Amino acid sequence: MSPASQVIAIAMGGTIDKDYIVESAALEVVDPFVSWIMPQLRMAEELPIVPLLRKDSLVLDDADRSRLLAYIVEHDLRRLLVSHGTDTLLVTASAVAQARVDGTLPNDVTAVFFGAFRPGRFSPAEASFNFGFAFAVAQSAPPGVYIAMGGRYDTIEHVTHANGQFLYE
C-alpha cells in the first residue's frame, strides 16, 4: 500500500480507551485500545497508531479538534481511522467534514470515526468489532467523513446520536 493510501489510526481517547486504575479507584483514559488489541489480532498489515489525545470526549474542546485537523494537514494524511469517545464523536467528525468543505483539509480525505460504549479492555468484543469494521471502511470507502459503529456506517450527514446509540438514516 502506498503511503498516501495507507490507513493511519488516530486515538483521541474516550470510553474505548478507558481502564480501571487501582490507585485512583476510577476509570481513566489510558493507552489506546487499538494498541492494546492489535497484537492479539492477525492483521495482514501493520496499522500505524498515533495517540493524539487521552481525554474523555466530554472534555474535548475546539482546541482539541483543531489539534486533530492540524495533525492531518501537517502529515498530509488521506485515510484516517479515528477512535473517539461516543458522546462527542459527531461533533469532532462534523468539524473534520466542515474542514473538507472549507478547504482546510483536502477533499480526498477519508476519515472514519468509531468508538465503543464500554471500555475496550472490559468488553473487548464490542470495541474489537467496531475497530475491525471501521478499519475495513477506512480502506475501502470513497473520500468523506464516516461513522462506523455496530456493523453500520454512513457519512456524517446521515448519522445522529440519541439515547446512547447511533442512528443511521
N, C-alpha and C. Protein backbone atom coordinates (compact mmCIF):
# COMPACT_ATOMS: atom_id res chain seq x y z
N MET A 1 0.85 -1.17 0.00
CA MET A 1 0.00 0.00 0.00
C MET A 1 0.90 1.23 0.00
N SER A 2 0.58 2.19 -0.85
CA SER A 2 1.40 3.39 -0.90
C SER A 2 1.16 4.25 0.33
N PRO A 3 2.17 5.06 0.73
CA PRO A 3 2.00 5.89 1.93
C PRO A 3 0.76 6.78 1.87
N ALA A 4 0.42 7.31 0.71
CA ALA A 4 -0.74 8.19 0.61
C ALA A 4 -2.05 7.45 0.86
N SER A 5 -2.10 6.16 0.54
CA SER A 5 -3.34 5.41 0.71
C SER A 5 -3.35 4.57 1.98
N GLN A 6 -2.25 4.58 2.74
CA GLN A 6 -2.19 3.80 3.98
C GLN A 6 -3.12 4.41 5.03
N VAL A 7 -3.82 3.55 5.73
CA VAL A 7 -4.68 3.99 6.82
C VAL A 7 -3.80 4.27 8.04
N ILE A 8 -4.06 5.39 8.69
CA ILE A 8 -3.39 5.77 9.93
C ILE A 8 -4.46 5.86 11.01
N ALA A 9 -4.23 5.22 12.14
CA ALA A 9 -5.18 5.28 13.26
C ALA A 9 -4.77 6.41 14.19
N ILE A 10 -5.74 7.23 14.54
CA ILE A 10 -5.52 8.33 15.48
C ILE A 10 -6.44 8.10 16.68
N ALA A 11 -5.84 8.02 17.86
CA ALA A 11 -6.61 7.80 19.08
C ALA A 11 -6.83 9.13 19.79
N MET A 12 -8.09 9.44 20.05
CA MET A 12 -8.45 10.68 20.72
C MET A 12 -8.79 10.45 22.20
N GLY A 13 -8.99 9.19 22.58
CA GLY A 13 -9.40 8.88 23.95
C GLY A 13 -10.83 8.39 23.97
N GLY A 14 -11.52 8.63 25.05
CA GLY A 14 -12.90 8.20 25.17
C GLY A 14 -13.03 6.88 25.90
N THR A 15 -14.25 6.43 26.05
CA THR A 15 -14.54 5.21 26.79
C THR A 15 -13.79 4.01 26.24
N ILE A 16 -13.65 3.91 24.94
CA ILE A 16 -12.96 2.78 24.34
C ILE A 16 -11.56 2.60 24.91
N ASP A 17 -10.91 3.70 25.30
CA ASP A 17 -9.52 3.67 25.79
C ASP A 17 -9.43 3.68 27.32
N LYS A 18 -10.54 3.51 28.01
CA LYS A 18 -10.50 3.57 29.48
C LYS A 18 -10.15 2.23 30.11
N ASP A 19 -9.57 2.34 31.30
CA ASP A 19 -9.28 1.17 32.12
C ASP A 19 -9.45 1.58 33.58
N TYR A 20 -9.63 0.60 34.43
CA TYR A 20 -9.76 0.87 35.86
C TYR A 20 -8.36 1.04 36.44
N ILE A 21 -8.15 2.16 37.11
CA ILE A 21 -6.87 2.46 37.73
C ILE A 21 -7.02 2.29 39.23
N VAL A 22 -6.31 1.33 39.78
CA VAL A 22 -6.44 0.99 41.19
C VAL A 22 -6.08 2.17 42.08
N GLU A 23 -5.00 2.87 41.75
CA GLU A 23 -4.52 3.96 42.60
C GLU A 23 -5.56 5.07 42.76
N SER A 24 -6.30 5.35 41.73
CA SER A 24 -7.32 6.41 41.82
C SER A 24 -8.73 5.84 42.02
N ALA A 25 -8.85 4.52 41.94
CA ALA A 25 -10.14 3.85 42.06
C ALA A 25 -11.17 4.44 41.09
N ALA A 26 -10.70 4.66 39.85
CA ALA A 26 -11.57 5.28 38.85
C ALA A 26 -11.23 4.76 37.46
N LEU A 27 -12.18 4.94 36.55
CA LEU A 27 -11.91 4.68 35.15
C LEU A 27 -11.19 5.89 34.57
N GLU A 28 -10.08 5.64 33.89
CA GLU A 28 -9.31 6.72 33.28
C GLU A 28 -8.92 6.33 31.87
N VAL A 29 -8.75 7.33 31.01
CA VAL A 29 -8.26 7.09 29.66
C VAL A 29 -6.78 6.74 29.77
N VAL A 30 -6.40 5.60 29.17
CA VAL A 30 -5.02 5.12 29.19
C VAL A 30 -4.54 4.97 27.74
N ASP A 31 -3.57 4.11 27.52
CA ASP A 31 -3.08 3.88 26.16
C ASP A 31 -4.23 3.45 25.25
N PRO A 32 -4.12 3.74 23.95
CA PRO A 32 -5.21 3.41 23.03
C PRO A 32 -5.56 1.93 23.03
N PHE A 33 -6.84 1.65 23.02
CA PHE A 33 -7.32 0.28 22.92
C PHE A 33 -6.75 -0.40 21.68
N VAL A 34 -6.68 0.33 20.57
CA VAL A 34 -6.18 -0.25 19.32
C VAL A 34 -4.77 -0.79 19.51
N SER A 35 -3.91 -0.06 20.23
CA SER A 35 -2.55 -0.54 20.51
C SER A 35 -2.59 -1.80 21.37
N TRP A 36 -3.54 -1.86 22.28
CA TRP A 36 -3.67 -2.99 23.19
C TRP A 36 -4.15 -4.25 22.47
N ILE A 37 -5.10 -4.10 21.55
CA ILE A 37 -5.72 -5.27 20.91
C ILE A 37 -4.95 -5.74 19.69
N MET A 38 -4.23 -4.89 19.01
CA MET A 38 -3.59 -5.28 17.75
C MET A 38 -2.66 -6.49 17.87
N PRO A 39 -1.86 -6.63 18.92
CA PRO A 39 -1.02 -7.83 19.00
C PRO A 39 -1.83 -9.13 19.06
N GLN A 40 -3.10 -9.05 19.44
CA GLN A 40 -3.94 -10.23 19.55
C GLN A 40 -4.65 -10.57 18.24
N LEU A 41 -4.58 -9.67 17.28
CA LEU A 41 -5.27 -9.85 16.00
C LEU A 41 -4.27 -10.34 14.95
N ARG A 42 -4.79 -10.96 13.95
CA ARG A 42 -3.93 -11.45 12.86
C ARG A 42 -4.16 -10.55 11.64
N MET A 43 -3.70 -9.32 11.75
CA MET A 43 -3.92 -8.36 10.68
C MET A 43 -2.90 -8.57 9.56
N ALA A 44 -3.34 -8.34 8.34
CA ALA A 44 -2.48 -8.55 7.18
C ALA A 44 -1.37 -7.52 7.08
N GLU A 45 -1.58 -6.35 7.68
CA GLU A 45 -0.55 -5.31 7.65
C GLU A 45 -0.57 -4.53 8.95
N GLU A 46 0.56 -3.91 9.23
CA GLU A 46 0.67 -3.12 10.46
C GLU A 46 -0.09 -1.81 10.29
N LEU A 47 -0.75 -1.40 11.33
CA LEU A 47 -1.52 -0.16 11.32
C LEU A 47 -0.81 0.85 12.21
N PRO A 48 -0.27 1.92 11.64
CA PRO A 48 0.35 2.95 12.48
C PRO A 48 -0.70 3.60 13.38
N ILE A 49 -0.35 3.80 14.64
CA ILE A 49 -1.28 4.36 15.62
C ILE A 49 -0.66 5.61 16.23
N VAL A 50 -1.42 6.70 16.20
CA VAL A 50 -0.99 7.97 16.78
C VAL A 50 -1.86 8.25 17.99
N PRO A 51 -1.31 8.19 19.21
CA PRO A 51 -2.10 8.53 20.40
C PRO A 51 -2.13 10.05 20.57
N LEU A 52 -3.00 10.72 19.82
CA LEU A 52 -3.02 12.19 19.78
C LEU A 52 -3.48 12.79 21.09
N LEU A 53 -4.56 12.25 21.65
CA LEU A 53 -5.09 12.76 22.92
C LEU A 53 -5.48 11.60 23.82
N ARG A 54 -5.56 11.87 25.09
CA ARG A 54 -6.06 10.89 26.07
C ARG A 54 -7.08 11.60 26.94
N LYS A 55 -8.24 11.85 26.34
CA LYS A 55 -9.27 12.59 27.05
C LYS A 55 -10.61 11.90 26.92
N ASP A 56 -11.45 12.06 27.93
CA ASP A 56 -12.83 11.69 27.81
C ASP A 56 -13.45 12.64 26.79
N SER A 57 -14.31 12.15 25.94
CA SER A 57 -14.84 13.01 24.88
C SER A 57 -15.68 14.16 25.42
N LEU A 58 -16.21 14.04 26.62
CA LEU A 58 -16.99 15.14 27.19
C LEU A 58 -16.12 16.36 27.51
N VAL A 59 -14.82 16.19 27.63
CA VAL A 59 -13.94 17.33 27.91
C VAL A 59 -13.15 17.77 26.69
N LEU A 60 -13.36 17.12 25.54
CA LEU A 60 -12.74 17.59 24.31
C LEU A 60 -13.31 18.95 23.95
N ASP A 61 -12.47 19.83 23.44
CA ASP A 61 -12.95 21.16 23.06
C ASP A 61 -12.49 21.49 21.65
N ASP A 62 -12.81 22.70 21.21
CA ASP A 62 -12.46 23.11 19.85
C ASP A 62 -10.95 23.14 19.64
N ALA A 63 -10.17 23.44 20.67
CA ALA A 63 -8.71 23.41 20.55
C ALA A 63 -8.23 21.99 20.26
N ASP A 64 -8.86 20.99 20.88
CA ASP A 64 -8.50 19.59 20.62
C ASP A 64 -8.86 19.20 19.19
N ARG A 65 -10.00 19.66 18.71
CA ARG A 65 -10.40 19.38 17.33
C ARG A 65 -9.46 20.07 16.35
N SER A 66 -9.03 21.26 16.68
CA SER A 66 -8.05 21.97 15.84
C SER A 66 -6.72 21.22 15.81
N ARG A 67 -6.37 20.64 16.94
CA ARG A 67 -5.13 19.84 17.00
C ARG A 67 -5.22 18.63 16.07
N LEU A 68 -6.38 17.98 16.04
CA LEU A 68 -6.58 16.86 15.12
C LEU A 68 -6.45 17.32 13.67
N LEU A 69 -7.13 18.41 13.34
CA LEU A 69 -7.06 18.93 11.96
C LEU A 69 -5.64 19.30 11.58
N ALA A 70 -4.93 19.96 12.48
CA ALA A 70 -3.54 20.35 12.21
C ALA A 70 -2.66 19.11 11.99
N TYR A 71 -2.88 18.07 12.76
CA TYR A 71 -2.10 16.85 12.60
C TYR A 71 -2.34 16.23 11.22
N ILE A 72 -3.59 16.19 10.81
CA ILE A 72 -3.94 15.63 9.50
C ILE A 72 -3.24 16.41 8.39
N VAL A 73 -3.31 17.74 8.47
CA VAL A 73 -2.71 18.60 7.44
C VAL A 73 -1.19 18.47 7.47
N GLU A 74 -0.61 18.56 8.66
CA GLU A 74 0.86 18.53 8.80
C GLU A 74 1.46 17.23 8.25
N HIS A 75 0.75 16.12 8.43
CA HIS A 75 1.27 14.83 7.99
C HIS A 75 0.69 14.37 6.66
N ASP A 76 -0.08 15.26 6.01
CA ASP A 76 -0.63 15.00 4.68
C ASP A 76 -1.36 13.65 4.62
N LEU A 77 -2.22 13.41 5.61
CA LEU A 77 -2.93 12.13 5.70
C LEU A 77 -4.14 12.13 4.79
N ARG A 78 -4.44 10.96 4.25
CA ARG A 78 -5.59 10.82 3.36
C ARG A 78 -6.61 9.79 3.85
N ARG A 79 -6.16 8.75 4.56
CA ARG A 79 -7.07 7.71 5.07
C ARG A 79 -6.86 7.58 6.57
N LEU A 80 -7.89 7.97 7.33
CA LEU A 80 -7.80 8.01 8.78
C LEU A 80 -8.82 7.10 9.43
N LEU A 81 -8.40 6.49 10.51
CA LEU A 81 -9.28 5.71 11.36
C LEU A 81 -9.18 6.38 12.72
N VAL A 82 -10.24 7.03 13.19
CA VAL A 82 -10.19 7.84 14.40
C VAL A 82 -11.01 7.18 15.50
N SER A 83 -10.32 6.74 16.58
CA SER A 83 -11.06 6.24 17.74
C SER A 83 -11.39 7.44 18.62
N HIS A 84 -12.61 7.44 19.15
CA HIS A 84 -13.12 8.64 19.80
C HIS A 84 -14.21 8.25 20.79
N GLY A 85 -14.38 9.01 21.82
CA GLY A 85 -15.50 8.80 22.73
C GLY A 85 -16.82 9.05 22.03
N THR A 86 -17.82 8.27 22.39
CA THR A 86 -19.09 8.34 21.68
C THR A 86 -19.92 9.59 21.97
N ASP A 87 -19.71 10.21 23.14
CA ASP A 87 -20.55 11.36 23.49
C ASP A 87 -20.39 12.54 22.54
N THR A 88 -19.19 12.81 22.08
CA THR A 88 -18.97 13.96 21.19
C THR A 88 -18.33 13.55 19.87
N LEU A 89 -18.41 12.29 19.54
CA LEU A 89 -17.85 11.79 18.28
C LEU A 89 -18.41 12.56 17.09
N LEU A 90 -19.71 12.80 17.09
CA LEU A 90 -20.32 13.51 15.96
C LEU A 90 -19.85 14.96 15.86
N VAL A 91 -19.54 15.58 16.98
CA VAL A 91 -19.05 16.96 16.97
C VAL A 91 -17.69 17.02 16.28
N THR A 92 -16.80 16.11 16.66
CA THR A 92 -15.47 16.10 16.05
C THR A 92 -15.54 15.69 14.58
N ALA A 93 -16.33 14.68 14.28
CA ALA A 93 -16.48 14.26 12.89
C ALA A 93 -17.06 15.40 12.03
N SER A 94 -17.98 16.15 12.59
CA SER A 94 -18.55 17.30 11.87
C SER A 94 -17.49 18.37 11.61
N ALA A 95 -16.59 18.57 12.56
CA ALA A 95 -15.50 19.55 12.38
C ALA A 95 -14.58 19.11 11.24
N VAL A 96 -14.31 17.81 11.16
CA VAL A 96 -13.48 17.29 10.06
C VAL A 96 -14.22 17.44 8.73
N ALA A 97 -15.49 17.14 8.70
CA ALA A 97 -16.29 17.30 7.48
C ALA A 97 -16.31 18.76 7.04
N GLN A 98 -16.50 19.68 7.98
CA GLN A 98 -16.51 21.11 7.65
C GLN A 98 -15.15 21.55 7.11
N ALA A 99 -14.08 21.02 7.67
CA ALA A 99 -12.73 21.37 7.20
C ALA A 99 -12.51 20.91 5.76
N ARG A 100 -13.14 19.80 5.38
CA ARG A 100 -13.07 19.37 3.98
C ARG A 100 -13.83 20.34 3.08
N VAL A 101 -14.99 20.80 3.55
CA VAL A 101 -15.82 21.71 2.77
C VAL A 101 -15.14 23.06 2.60
N ASP A 102 -14.55 23.60 3.68
CA ASP A 102 -13.96 24.94 3.59
C ASP A 102 -12.52 24.94 3.06
N GLY A 103 -11.99 23.76 2.72
CA GLY A 103 -10.67 23.69 2.11
C GLY A 103 -9.51 23.59 3.09
N THR A 104 -9.78 23.55 4.38
CA THR A 104 -8.71 23.38 5.36
C THR A 104 -8.06 22.01 5.18
N LEU A 105 -8.89 21.00 4.89
CA LEU A 105 -8.41 19.66 4.59
C LEU A 105 -8.65 19.38 3.11
N PRO A 106 -7.77 18.58 2.50
CA PRO A 106 -8.03 18.20 1.10
C PRO A 106 -9.35 17.45 0.97
N ASN A 107 -9.98 17.60 -0.17
CA ASN A 107 -11.26 16.97 -0.42
C ASN A 107 -11.17 15.45 -0.56
N ASP A 108 -9.94 14.92 -0.77
CA ASP A 108 -9.79 13.48 -0.96
C ASP A 108 -9.48 12.73 0.33
N VAL A 109 -9.72 13.36 1.49
CA VAL A 109 -9.52 12.71 2.78
C VAL A 109 -10.70 11.78 3.08
N THR A 110 -10.37 10.58 3.54
CA THR A 110 -11.37 9.63 4.03
C THR A 110 -11.11 9.47 5.52
N ALA A 111 -12.06 9.87 6.34
CA ALA A 111 -11.93 9.77 7.80
C ALA A 111 -13.08 8.94 8.34
N VAL A 112 -12.74 7.89 9.09
CA VAL A 112 -13.75 7.00 9.65
C VAL A 112 -13.63 7.06 11.17
N PHE A 113 -14.70 7.47 11.83
CA PHE A 113 -14.74 7.59 13.28
C PHE A 113 -15.44 6.38 13.88
N PHE A 114 -14.91 5.89 15.00
CA PHE A 114 -15.54 4.79 15.72
C PHE A 114 -15.20 4.92 17.19
N GLY A 115 -15.91 4.17 17.99
CA GLY A 115 -15.66 4.14 19.44
C GLY A 115 -16.35 2.92 20.00
N ALA A 116 -16.62 2.96 21.29
CA ALA A 116 -17.33 1.87 21.96
C ALA A 116 -18.07 2.44 23.16
N PHE A 117 -19.18 1.83 23.49
CA PHE A 117 -19.97 2.30 24.63
C PHE A 117 -19.46 1.74 25.96
N ARG A 118 -18.57 0.76 25.89
CA ARG A 118 -17.94 0.18 27.08
C ARG A 118 -16.43 0.20 26.90
N PRO A 119 -15.67 0.30 27.98
CA PRO A 119 -14.21 0.27 27.84
C PRO A 119 -13.75 -0.99 27.11
N GLY A 120 -12.87 -0.81 26.13
CA GLY A 120 -12.39 -1.93 25.33
C GLY A 120 -11.71 -3.02 26.13
N ARG A 121 -11.03 -2.64 27.19
CA ARG A 121 -10.35 -3.65 28.00
C ARG A 121 -11.32 -4.45 28.86
N PHE A 122 -12.54 -3.93 29.08
CA PHE A 122 -13.56 -4.65 29.85
C PHE A 122 -14.44 -5.48 28.92
N SER A 123 -14.75 -4.91 27.78
CA SER A 123 -15.67 -5.54 26.82
C SER A 123 -15.02 -5.52 25.44
N PRO A 124 -13.99 -6.35 25.26
CA PRO A 124 -13.24 -6.27 24.00
C PRO A 124 -14.03 -6.68 22.76
N ALA A 125 -15.11 -7.42 22.92
CA ALA A 125 -15.87 -7.84 21.74
C ALA A 125 -16.43 -6.64 20.98
N GLU A 126 -17.12 -5.75 21.69
CA GLU A 126 -17.72 -4.58 21.02
C GLU A 126 -16.64 -3.69 20.41
N ALA A 127 -15.63 -3.36 21.20
CA ALA A 127 -14.57 -2.46 20.72
C ALA A 127 -13.80 -3.08 19.56
N SER A 128 -13.49 -4.37 19.65
CA SER A 128 -12.75 -5.04 18.57
C SER A 128 -13.58 -5.10 17.29
N PHE A 129 -14.86 -5.41 17.44
CA PHE A 129 -15.74 -5.46 16.27
C PHE A 129 -15.81 -4.09 15.60
N ASN A 130 -16.04 -3.04 16.41
CA ASN A 130 -16.13 -1.69 15.83
C ASN A 130 -14.82 -1.28 15.18
N PHE A 131 -13.69 -1.63 15.81
CA PHE A 131 -12.38 -1.32 15.23
C PHE A 131 -12.20 -2.01 13.89
N GLY A 132 -12.42 -3.33 13.84
CA GLY A 132 -12.23 -4.07 12.60
C GLY A 132 -13.14 -3.59 11.49
N PHE A 133 -14.39 -3.34 11.84
CA PHE A 133 -15.35 -2.86 10.86
C PHE A 133 -14.94 -1.48 10.33
N ALA A 134 -14.59 -0.58 11.23
CA ALA A 134 -14.18 0.77 10.82
C ALA A 134 -12.90 0.73 9.99
N PHE A 135 -11.98 -0.17 10.33
CA PHE A 135 -10.74 -0.31 9.56
C PHE A 135 -11.06 -0.73 8.12
N ALA A 136 -11.99 -1.67 7.95
CA ALA A 136 -12.39 -2.09 6.61
C ALA A 136 -13.01 -0.93 5.84
N VAL A 137 -13.85 -0.14 6.51
CA VAL A 137 -14.46 1.02 5.86
C VAL A 137 -13.37 2.03 5.46
N ALA A 138 -12.41 2.28 6.35
CA ALA A 138 -11.35 3.25 6.06
C ALA A 138 -10.51 2.83 4.85
N GLN A 139 -10.38 1.54 4.63
CA GLN A 139 -9.60 1.05 3.49
C GLN A 139 -10.38 1.13 2.18
N SER A 140 -11.70 1.08 2.25
CA SER A 140 -12.48 0.90 1.03
C SER A 140 -13.43 2.03 0.66
N ALA A 141 -13.78 2.87 1.59
CA ALA A 141 -14.77 3.93 1.31
C ALA A 141 -14.16 5.04 0.47
N PRO A 142 -14.98 5.67 -0.36
CA PRO A 142 -14.50 6.84 -1.10
C PRO A 142 -14.29 8.01 -0.12
N PRO A 143 -13.63 9.07 -0.57
CA PRO A 143 -13.41 10.22 0.31
C PRO A 143 -14.71 10.70 0.95
N GLY A 144 -14.59 11.05 2.23
CA GLY A 144 -15.73 11.53 3.01
C GLY A 144 -15.44 11.34 4.48
N VAL A 145 -16.39 11.72 5.31
CA VAL A 145 -16.26 11.55 6.75
C VAL A 145 -17.39 10.62 7.18
N TYR A 146 -17.00 9.49 7.79
CA TYR A 146 -17.92 8.42 8.11
C TYR A 146 -17.94 8.12 9.61
N ILE A 147 -19.08 7.57 10.04
CA ILE A 147 -19.22 6.99 11.36
C ILE A 147 -19.42 5.50 11.12
N ALA A 148 -18.66 4.66 11.84
CA ALA A 148 -18.78 3.20 11.69
C ALA A 148 -18.89 2.59 13.08
N MET A 149 -20.10 2.18 13.43
CA MET A 149 -20.36 1.61 14.75
C MET A 149 -21.40 0.50 14.61
N GLY A 150 -21.22 -0.58 15.35
CA GLY A 150 -22.23 -1.62 15.42
C GLY A 150 -22.55 -2.29 14.10
N GLY A 151 -21.61 -2.33 13.18
CA GLY A 151 -21.85 -3.00 11.90
C GLY A 151 -22.52 -2.15 10.85
N ARG A 152 -22.70 -0.87 11.12
CA ARG A 152 -23.28 0.05 10.13
C ARG A 152 -22.36 1.23 9.96
N TYR A 153 -22.39 1.82 8.80
CA TYR A 153 -21.64 3.05 8.58
C TYR A 153 -22.36 3.92 7.57
N ASP A 154 -22.07 5.20 7.67
CA ASP A 154 -22.60 6.15 6.71
C ASP A 154 -21.83 7.44 6.89
N THR A 155 -22.05 8.38 5.97
CA THR A 155 -21.40 9.68 6.09
C THR A 155 -22.01 10.44 7.26
N ILE A 156 -21.25 11.35 7.78
CA ILE A 156 -21.64 12.13 8.96
C ILE A 156 -23.02 12.77 8.79
N GLU A 157 -23.36 13.16 7.57
CA GLU A 157 -24.63 13.84 7.31
C GLU A 157 -25.84 12.94 7.57
N HIS A 158 -25.63 11.63 7.61
CA HIS A 158 -26.74 10.69 7.73
C HIS A 158 -26.74 9.94 9.06
N VAL A 159 -26.03 10.46 10.06
CA VAL A 159 -25.95 9.78 11.34
C VAL A 159 -26.29 10.75 12.46
N THR A 160 -27.08 10.26 13.42
CA THR A 160 -27.38 11.03 14.62
C THR A 160 -27.07 10.14 15.84
N HIS A 161 -27.00 10.78 17.00
CA HIS A 161 -26.72 10.05 18.23
C HIS A 161 -27.81 10.42 19.23
N ALA A 162 -28.53 9.42 19.69
CA ALA A 162 -29.60 9.67 20.67
C ALA A 162 -29.79 8.43 21.53
N ASN A 163 -30.11 8.66 22.79
CA ASN A 163 -30.41 7.57 23.73
C ASN A 163 -29.33 6.49 23.74
N GLY A 164 -28.07 6.93 23.68
CA GLY A 164 -26.95 6.00 23.79
C GLY A 164 -26.73 5.11 22.58
N GLN A 165 -27.21 5.56 21.41
CA GLN A 165 -26.94 4.77 20.20
C GLN A 165 -26.82 5.68 18.99
N PHE A 166 -26.14 5.16 17.98
CA PHE A 166 -26.02 5.88 16.73
C PHE A 166 -27.14 5.43 15.81
N LEU A 167 -27.80 6.39 15.20
CA LEU A 167 -28.92 6.12 14.31
C LEU A 167 -28.53 6.52 12.90
N TYR A 168 -28.78 5.63 11.96
CA TYR A 168 -28.40 5.85 10.55
C TYR A 168 -29.67 6.04 9.74
N GLU A 169 -29.67 7.09 8.91
CA GLU A 169 -30.86 7.36 8.07
C GLU A 169 -31.01 6.31 6.99
